[in-house]
Amino acid sequence: MSIDKDLLDLLMEGRSPGALFGKAGILAELTKALAEPALNTEMASISMKSRQKKRLRARPSLSTAAMGAAGRR
């Protein structure tokens, strides 16, 4: 995917190099705006996988359930 040059021109229009690349410049803002959703998605994925693993560990296995049923006879 490429970034539209007209959009970049619009974002850079009238800004000094410091306003573009400085610590609080538009590059820092764009980086934050792009990184936050990506990190949130990654964290949600990790959390979902963790919950699935916990559920699988909490369920008794078939062999454990069968052994328990055999012991009750």
PDB file of N, CA and C in Angstrom:
ATOM      1  N   MET A   1       0.851  -1.172   0.000  1.00  0.00           N
ATOM      2  CA  MET A   1       0.000   0.000   0.000  1.00  0.00           C
ATOM      3  C   MET A   1       0.892   1.228   0.000  1.00  0.00           C
ATOM      4  N   SER A   2       0.583   2.163  -0.852  1.00  0.00           N
ATOM      5  CA  SER A   2       1.353   3.401  -0.873  1.00  0.00           C
ATOM      6  C   SER A   2       0.505   4.540  -0.311  1.00  0.00           C
ATOM      7  N   ILE A   3       1.193   5.542   0.172  1.00  0.00           N
ATOM      8  CA  ILE A   3       0.511   6.691   0.758  1.00  0.00           C
ATOM      9  C   ILE A   3       0.315   7.740  -0.327  1.00  0.00           C
ATOM     10  N   ASP A   4      -0.865   8.275  -0.381  1.00  0.00           N
ATOM     11  CA  ASP A   4      -1.225   9.275  -1.385  1.00  0.00           C
ATOM     12  C   ASP A   4      -0.352  10.526  -1.231  1.00  0.00           C
ATOM     13  N   LYS A   5       0.374  10.886  -2.295  1.00  0.00           N
ATOM     14  CA  LYS A   5       1.264  12.040  -2.264  1.00  0.00           C
ATOM     15  C   LYS A   5       0.498  13.326  -1.970  1.00  0.00           C
ATOM     16  N   ASP A   6      -0.699  13.460  -2.498  1.00  0.00           N
ATOM     17  CA  ASP A   6      -1.501  14.670  -2.232  1.00  0.00           C
ATOM     18  C   ASP A   6      -1.829  14.791  -0.748  1.00  0.00           C
ATOM     19  N   LEU A   7      -2.093  13.669  -0.099  1.00  0.00           N
ATOM     20  CA  LEU A   7      -2.368  13.678   1.330  1.00  0.00           C
ATOM     21  C   LEU A   7      -1.128  14.123   2.104  1.00  0.00           C
ATOM     22  N   LEU A   8       0.032  13.596   1.709  1.00  0.00           N
ATOM     23  CA  LEU A   8       1.275  14.011   2.356  1.00  0.00           C
ATOM     24  C   LEU A   8       1.534  15.501   2.161  1.00  0.00           C
ATOM     25  N   ASP A   9       1.315  15.983   0.943  1.00  0.00           N
ATOM     26  CA  ASP A   9       1.505  17.415   0.681  1.00  0.00           C
ATOM     27  C   ASP A   9       0.592  18.251   1.570  1.00  0.00           C
ATOM     28  N   LEU A  10      -0.631  17.806   1.730  1.00  0.00           N
ATOM     29  CA  LEU A  10      -1.589  18.515   2.572  1.00  0.00           C
ATOM     30  C   LEU A  10      -1.140  18.527   4.036  1.00  0.00           C
ATOM     31  N   LEU A  11      -0.645  17.402   4.516  1.00  0.00           N
ATOM     32  CA  LEU A  11      -0.174  17.321   5.897  1.00  0.00           C
ATOM     33  C   LEU A  11       1.063  18.197   6.137  1.00  0.00           C
ATOM     34  N   MET A  12       1.915  18.320   5.122  1.00  0.00           N
ATOM     35  CA  MET A  12       3.165  19.060   5.273  1.00  0.00           C
ATOM     36  C   MET A  12       3.008  20.547   4.951  1.00  0.00           C
ATOM     37  N   GLU A  13       1.935  20.917   4.310  1.00  0.00           N
ATOM     38  CA  GLU A  13       1.720  22.280   3.847  1.00  0.00           C
ATOM     39  C   GLU A  13       1.838  23.305   4.980  1.00  0.00           C
ATOM     40  N   GLY A  14       2.727  24.265   4.784  1.00  0.00           N
ATOM     41  CA  GLY A  14       2.867  25.369   5.718  1.00  0.00           C
ATOM     42  C   GLY A  14       3.572  25.032   7.024  1.00  0.00           C
ATOM     43  N   ARG A  15       4.129  23.845   7.134  1.00  0.00           N
ATOM     44  CA  ARG A  15       4.799  23.453   8.377  1.00  0.00           C
ATOM     45  C   ARG A  15       6.313  23.553   8.207  1.00  0.00           C
ATOM     46  N   SER A  16       6.969  23.964   9.257  1.00  0.00           N
ATOM     47  CA  SER A  16       8.434  24.043   9.260  1.00  0.00           C
ATOM     48  C   SER A  16       8.997  22.645   9.481  1.00  0.00           C
ATOM     49  N   PRO A  17      10.297  22.446   9.202  1.00  0.00           N
ATOM     50  CA  PRO A  17      10.897  21.122   9.471  1.00  0.00           C
ATOM     51  C   PRO A  17      10.731  20.697  10.931  1.00  0.00           C
ATOM     52  N   GLY A  18      10.816  21.644  11.850  1.00  0.00           N
ATOM     53  CA  GLY A  18      10.619  21.309  13.262  1.00  0.00           C
ATOM     54  C   GLY A  18       9.203  20.845  13.543  1.00  0.00           C
ATOM     55  N   ALA A  19       8.236  21.476  12.883  1.00  0.00           N
ATOM     56  CA  ALA A  19       6.838  21.091  13.070  1.00  0.00           C
ATOM     57  C   ALA A  19       6.547  19.738  12.429  1.00  0.00           C
ATOM     58  N   LEU A  20       7.366  19.357  11.466  1.00  0.00           N
ATOM     59  CA  LEU A  20       7.199  18.056  10.829  1.00  0.00           C
ATOM     60  C   LEU A  20       7.911  16.947  11.595  1.00  0.00           C
ATOM     61  N   PHE A  21       9.170  17.205  11.938  1.00  0.00           N
ATOM     62  CA  PHE A  21      10.016  16.144  12.462  1.00  0.00           C
ATOM     63  C   PHE A  21      10.423  16.317  13.919  1.00  0.00           C
ATOM     64  N   GLY A  22      10.017  17.390  14.558  1.00  0.00           N
ATOM     65  CA  GLY A  22      10.368  17.622  15.959  1.00  0.00           C
ATOM     66  C   GLY A  22       9.686  16.638  16.884  1.00  0.00           C
ATOM     67  N   LYS A  23      10.035  16.742  18.160  1.00  0.00           N
ATOM     68  CA  LYS A  23       9.518  15.823  19.169  1.00  0.00           C
ATOM     69  C   LYS A  23       7.985  15.804  19.215  1.00  0.00           C
ATOM     70  N   ALA A  24       7.370  16.942  19.031  1.00  0.00           N
ATOM     71  CA  ALA A  24       5.908  17.028  19.033  1.00  0.00           C
ATOM     72  C   ALA A  24       5.375  17.286  17.617  1.00  0.00           C
ATOM     73  N   GLY A  25       6.182  16.962  16.621  1.00  0.00           N
ATOM     74  CA  GLY A  25       5.795  17.220  15.232  1.00  0.00           C
ATOM     75  C   GLY A  25       4.777  16.231  14.698  1.00  0.00           C
ATOM     76  N   ILE A  26       4.396  16.481  13.465  1.00  0.00           N
ATOM     77  CA  ILE A  26       3.356  15.657  12.845  1.00  0.00           C
ATOM     78  C   ILE A  26       3.820  14.215  12.658  1.00  0.00           C
ATOM     79  N   LEU A  27       5.128  13.998  12.453  1.00  0.00           N
ATOM     80  CA  LEU A  27       5.614  12.634  12.320  1.00  0.00           C
ATOM     81  C   LEU A  27       5.382  11.853  13.613  1.00  0.00           C
ATOM     82  N   ALA A  28       5.633  12.488  14.744  1.00  0.00           N
ATOM     83  CA  ALA A  28       5.386  11.840  16.044  1.00  0.00           C
ATOM     84  C   ALA A  28       3.893  11.561  16.218  1.00  0.00           C
ATOM     85  N   GLU A  29       3.062  12.496  15.817  1.00  0.00           N
ATOM     86  CA  GLU A  29       1.608  12.301  15.931  1.00  0.00           C
ATOM     87  C   GLU A  29       1.130  11.165  15.038  1.00  0.00           C
ATOM     88  N   LEU A  30       1.640  11.111  13.808  1.00  0.00           N
ATOM     89  CA  LEU A  30       1.248  10.043  12.884  1.00  0.00           C
ATOM     90  C   LEU A  30       1.721   8.682  13.395  1.00  0.00           C
ATOM     91  N   THR A  31       2.936   8.651  13.912  1.00  0.00           N
ATOM     92  CA  THR A  31       3.467   7.396  14.453  1.00  0.00           C
ATOM     93  C   THR A  31       2.576   6.896  15.583  1.00  0.00           C
ATOM     94  N   LYS A  32       2.204   7.786  16.479  1.00  0.00           N
ATOM     95  CA  LYS A  32       1.338   7.413  17.596  1.00  0.00           C
ATOM     96  C   LYS A  32      -0.033   6.958  17.088  1.00  0.00           C
ATOM     97  N   ALA A  33      -0.586   7.705  16.135  1.00  0.00           N
ATOM     98  CA  ALA A  33      -1.912   7.380  15.599  1.00  0.00           C
ATOM     99  C   ALA A  33      -1.924   6.023  14.892  1.00  0.00           C
ATOM    100  N   LEU A  34      -0.803   5.645  14.288  1.00  0.00           N
ATOM    101  CA  LEU A  34      -0.727   4.352  13.608  1.00  0.00           C
ATOM    102  C   LEU A  34      -0.364   3.223  14.568  1.00  0.00           C
ATOM    103  N   ALA A  35       0.478   3.513  15.545  1.00  0.00           N
ATOM    104  CA  ALA A  35       0.947   2.469  16.456  1.00  0.00           C
ATOM    105  C   ALA A  35      -0.115   2.057  17.465  1.00  0.00           C
ATOM    106  N   GLU A  36      -0.888   3.000  17.975  1.00  0.00           N
ATOM    107  CA  GLU A  36      -1.871   2.676  19.017  1.00  0.00           C
ATOM    108  C   GLU A  36      -2.885   1.625  18.580  1.00  0.00           C
ATOM    109  N   PRO A  37      -3.531   1.776  17.423  1.00  0.00           N
ATOM    110  CA  PRO A  37      -4.491   0.724  17.034  1.00  0.00           C
ATOM    111  C   PRO A  37      -3.809  -0.629  16.796  1.00  0.00           C
ATOM    112  N   ALA A  38      -2.594  -0.601  16.248  1.00  0.00           N
ATOM    113  CA  ALA A  38      -1.879  -1.854  16.012  1.00  0.00           C
ATOM    114  C   ALA A  38      -1.558  -2.543  17.340  1.00  0.00           C
ATOM    115  N   LEU A  39      -1.093  -1.788  18.318  1.00  0.00           N
ATOM    116  CA  LEU A  39      -0.780  -2.357  19.623  1.00  0.00           C
ATOM    117  C   LEU A  39      -2.032  -2.834  20.344  1.00  0.00           C
ATOM    118  N   ASN A  40      -3.117  -2.078  20.237  1.00  0.00           N
ATOM    119  CA  ASN A  40      -4.377  -2.499  20.863  1.00  0.00           C
ATOM    120  C   ASN A  40      -4.869  -3.809  20.265  1.00  0.00           C
ATOM    121  N   THR A  41      -4.748  -3.951  18.953  1.00  0.00           N
ATOM    122  CA  THR A  41      -5.156  -5.185  18.285  1.00  0.00           C
ATOM    123  C   THR A  41      -4.292  -6.347  18.746  1.00  0.00           C
ATOM    124  N   GLU A  42      -2.990  -6.117  18.841  1.00  0.00           N
ATOM    125  CA  GLU A  42      -2.071  -7.158  19.297  1.00  0.00           C
ATOM    126  C   GLU A  42      -2.389  -7.579  20.731  1.00  0.00           C
ATOM    127  N   MET A  43      -2.632  -6.611  21.600  1.00  0.00           N
ATOM    128  CA  MET A  43      -2.944  -6.918  22.996  1.00  0.00           C
ATOM    129  C   MET A  43      -4.265  -7.685  23.103  1.00  0.00           C
ATOM    130  N   ALA A  44      -5.245  -7.320  22.302  1.00  0.00           N
ATOM    131  CA  ALA A  44      -6.525  -8.032  22.313  1.00  0.00           C
ATOM    132  C   ALA A  44      -6.339  -9.473  21.858  1.00  0.00           C
ATOM    133  N   SER A  45      -5.495  -9.676  20.865  1.00  0.00           N
ATOM    134  CA  SER A  45      -5.222 -11.020  20.360  1.00  0.00           C
ATOM    135  C   SER A  45      -4.528 -11.861  21.424  1.00  0.00           C
ATOM    136  N   ILE A  46      -3.541 -11.288  22.094  1.00  0.00           N
ATOM    137  CA  ILE A  46      -2.828 -12.000  23.152  1.00  0.00           C
ATOM    138  C   ILE A  46      -3.779 -12.346  24.291  1.00  0.00           C
ATOM    139  N   SER A  47      -4.633 -11.407  24.664  1.00  0.00           N
ATOM    140  CA  SER A  47      -5.585 -11.628  25.748  1.00  0.00           C
ATOM    141  C   SER A  47      -6.561 -12.751  25.392  1.00  0.00           C
ATOM    142  N   MET A  48      -7.040 -12.758  24.149  1.00  0.00           N
ATOM    143  CA  MET A  48      -7.978 -13.783  23.712  1.00  0.00           C
ATOM    144  C   MET A  48      -7.312 -15.160  23.755  1.00  0.00           C
ATOM    145  N   LYS A  49      -6.068 -15.246  23.281  1.00  0.00           N
ATOM    146  CA  LYS A  49      -5.360 -16.526  23.299  1.00  0.00           C
ATOM    147  C   LYS A  49      -5.137 -17.001  24.729  1.00  0.00           C
ATOM    148  N   SER A  50      -4.842 -16.083  25.627  1.00  0.00           N
ATOM    149  CA  SER A  50      -4.631 -16.430  27.029  1.00  0.00           C
ATOM    150  C   SER A  50      -5.910 -16.973  27.651  1.00  0.00           C
ATOM    151  N   ARG A  51      -7.044 -16.335  27.361  1.00  0.00           N
ATOM    152  CA  ARG A  51      -8.330 -16.817  27.893  1.00  0.00           C
ATOM    153  C   ARG A  51      -8.659 -18.200  27.346  1.00  0.00           C
ATOM    154  N   GLN A  52      -8.355 -18.429  26.054  1.00  0.00           N
ATOM    155  CA  GLN A  52      -8.628 -19.736  25.463  1.00  0.00           C
ATOM    156  C   GLN A  52      -7.781 -20.815  26.133  1.00  0.00           C
ATOM    157  N   LYS A  53      -6.513 -20.515  26.401  1.00  0.00           N
ATOM    158  CA  LYS A  53      -5.645 -21.496  27.064  1.00  0.00           C
ATOM    159  C   LYS A  53      -6.148 -21.808  28.464  1.00  0.00           C
ATOM    160  N   LYS A  54      -6.601 -20.779  29.192  1.00  0.00           N
ATOM    161  CA  LYS A  54      -7.116 -20.993  30.541  1.00  0.00           C
ATOM    162  C   LYS A  54      -8.349 -21.876  30.503  1.00  0.00           C
ATOM    163  N   ARG A  55      -9.234 -21.645  29.530  1.00  0.00           N
ATOM    164  CA  ARG A  55     -10.444 -22.463  29.410  1.00  0.00           C
ATOM    165  C   ARG A  55     -10.091 -23.908  29.111  1.00  0.00           C
ATOM    166  N   LEU A  56      -9.100 -24.114  28.232  1.00  0.00           N
ATOM    167  CA  LEU A  56      -8.708 -25.482  27.893  1.00  0.00           C
ATOM    168  C   LEU A  56      -8.106 -26.194  29.097  1.00  0.00           C
ATOM    169  N   ARG A  57      -7.327 -25.480  29.905  1.00  0.00           N
ATOM    170  CA  ARG A  57      -6.730 -26.079  31.100  1.00  0.00           C
ATOM    171  C   ARG A  57      -7.789 -26.368  32.160  1.00  0.00           C
ATOM    172  N   ALA A  58      -8.843 -25.583  32.206  1.00  0.00           N
ATOM    173  CA  ALA A  58      -9.886 -25.751  33.228  1.00  0.00           C
ATOM    174  C   ALA A  58     -10.805 -26.924  32.913  1.00  0.00           C
ATOM    175  N   ARG A  59     -10.925 -27.287  31.625  1.00  0.00           N
ATOM    176  CA  ARG A  59     -11.783 -28.406  31.239  1.00  0.00           C
ATOM    177  C   ARG A  59     -11.104 -29.723  31.554  1.00  0.00           C
ATOM    178  N   PRO A  60     -11.839 -30.648  32.137  1.00  0.00           N
ATOM    179  CA  PRO A  60     -11.225 -31.960  32.373  1.00  0.00           C
ATOM    180  C   PRO A  60     -11.011 -32.671  31.043  1.00  0.00           C
ATOM    181  N   SER A  61      -9.930 -33.382  30.940  1.00  0.00           N
ATOM    182  CA  SER A  61      -9.663 -34.118  29.705  1.00  0.00           C
ATOM    183  C   SER A  61     -10.579 -35.328  29.642  1.00  0.00           C
ATOM    184  N   LEU A  62     -10.679 -35.915  28.472  1.00  0.00           N
ATOM    185  CA  LEU A  62     -11.530 -37.099  28.308  1.00  0.00           C
ATOM    186  C   LEU A  62     -11.028 -38.246  29.176  1.00  0.00           C
ATOM    187  N   SER A  63      -9.722 -38.418  29.243  1.00  0.00           N
ATOM    188  CA  SER A  63      -9.194 -39.540  30.038  1.00  0.00           C
ATOM    189  C   SER A  63      -9.469 -39.324  31.524  1.00  0.00           C
ATOM    190  N   THR A  64      -9.380 -38.096  32.013  1.00  0.00           N
ATOM    191  CA  THR A  64      -9.664 -37.805  33.411  1.00  0.00           C
ATOM    192  C   THR A  64     -11.145 -38.039  33.705  1.00  0.00           C
ATOM    193  N   ALA A  65     -12.010 -37.609  32.804  1.00  0.00           N
ATOM    194  CA  ALA A  65     -13.452 -37.804  32.997  1.00  0.00           C
ATOM    195  C   ALA A  65     -13.810 -39.268  32.965  1.00  0.00           C
ATOM    196  N   ALA A  66     -13.171 -40.029  32.079  1.00  0.00           N
ATOM    197  CA  ALA A  66     -13.449 -41.461  31.977  1.00  0.00           C
ATOM    198  C   ALA A  66     -12.973 -42.183  33.225  1.00  0.00           C
ATOM    199  N   MET A  67     -11.840 -41.797  33.747  1.00  0.00           N
ATOM    200  CA  MET A  67     -11.328 -42.413  34.962  1.00  0.00           C
ATOM    201  C   MET A  67     -12.235 -42.119  36.152  1.00  0.00           C
ATOM    202  N   GLY A  68     -12.747 -40.918  36.204  1.00  0.00           N
ATOM    203  CA  GLY A  68     -13.655 -40.569  37.291  1.00  0.00           C
ATOM    204  C   GLY A  68     -14.944 -41.367  37.202  1.00  0.00           C
ATOM    205  N   ALA A  69     -15.453 -41.571  35.999  1.00  0.00           N
ATOM    206  CA  ALA A  69     -16.687 -42.343  35.805  1.00  0.00           C
ATOM    207  C   ALA A  69     -16.444 -43.798  36.139  1.00  0.00           C
ATOM    208  N   ALA A  70     -15.282 -44.321  35.821  1.00  0.00           N
ATOM    209  CA  ALA A  70     -14.975 -45.733  36.086  1.00  0.00           C
ATOM    210  C   ALA A  70     -14.851 -45.950  37.595  1.00  0.00           C
ATOM    211  N   GLY A  71     -14.350 -44.973  38.305  1.00  0.00           N
ATOM    212  CA  GLY A  71     -14.180 -45.105  39.740  1.00  0.00           C
ATOM    213  C   GLY A  71     -15.502 -45.041  40.498  1.00  0.00           C
ATOM    214  N   ARG A  72     -16.528 -44.455  39.868  1.00  0.00           N
ATOM    215  CA  ARG A  72     -17.828 -44.327  40.526  1.00  0.00           C
ATOM    216  C   ARG A  72     -18.675 -45.568  40.384  1.00  0.00           C
ATOM    217  N   ARG A  73     -18.303 -46.504  39.575  1.00  0.00           N
ATOM    218  CA  ARG A  73     -19.115 -47.705  39.333  1.00  0.00           C
ATOM    219  C   ARG A  73     -19.070 -48.648  40.465  1.00  0.00           C
TER     220      ARG A  73
END
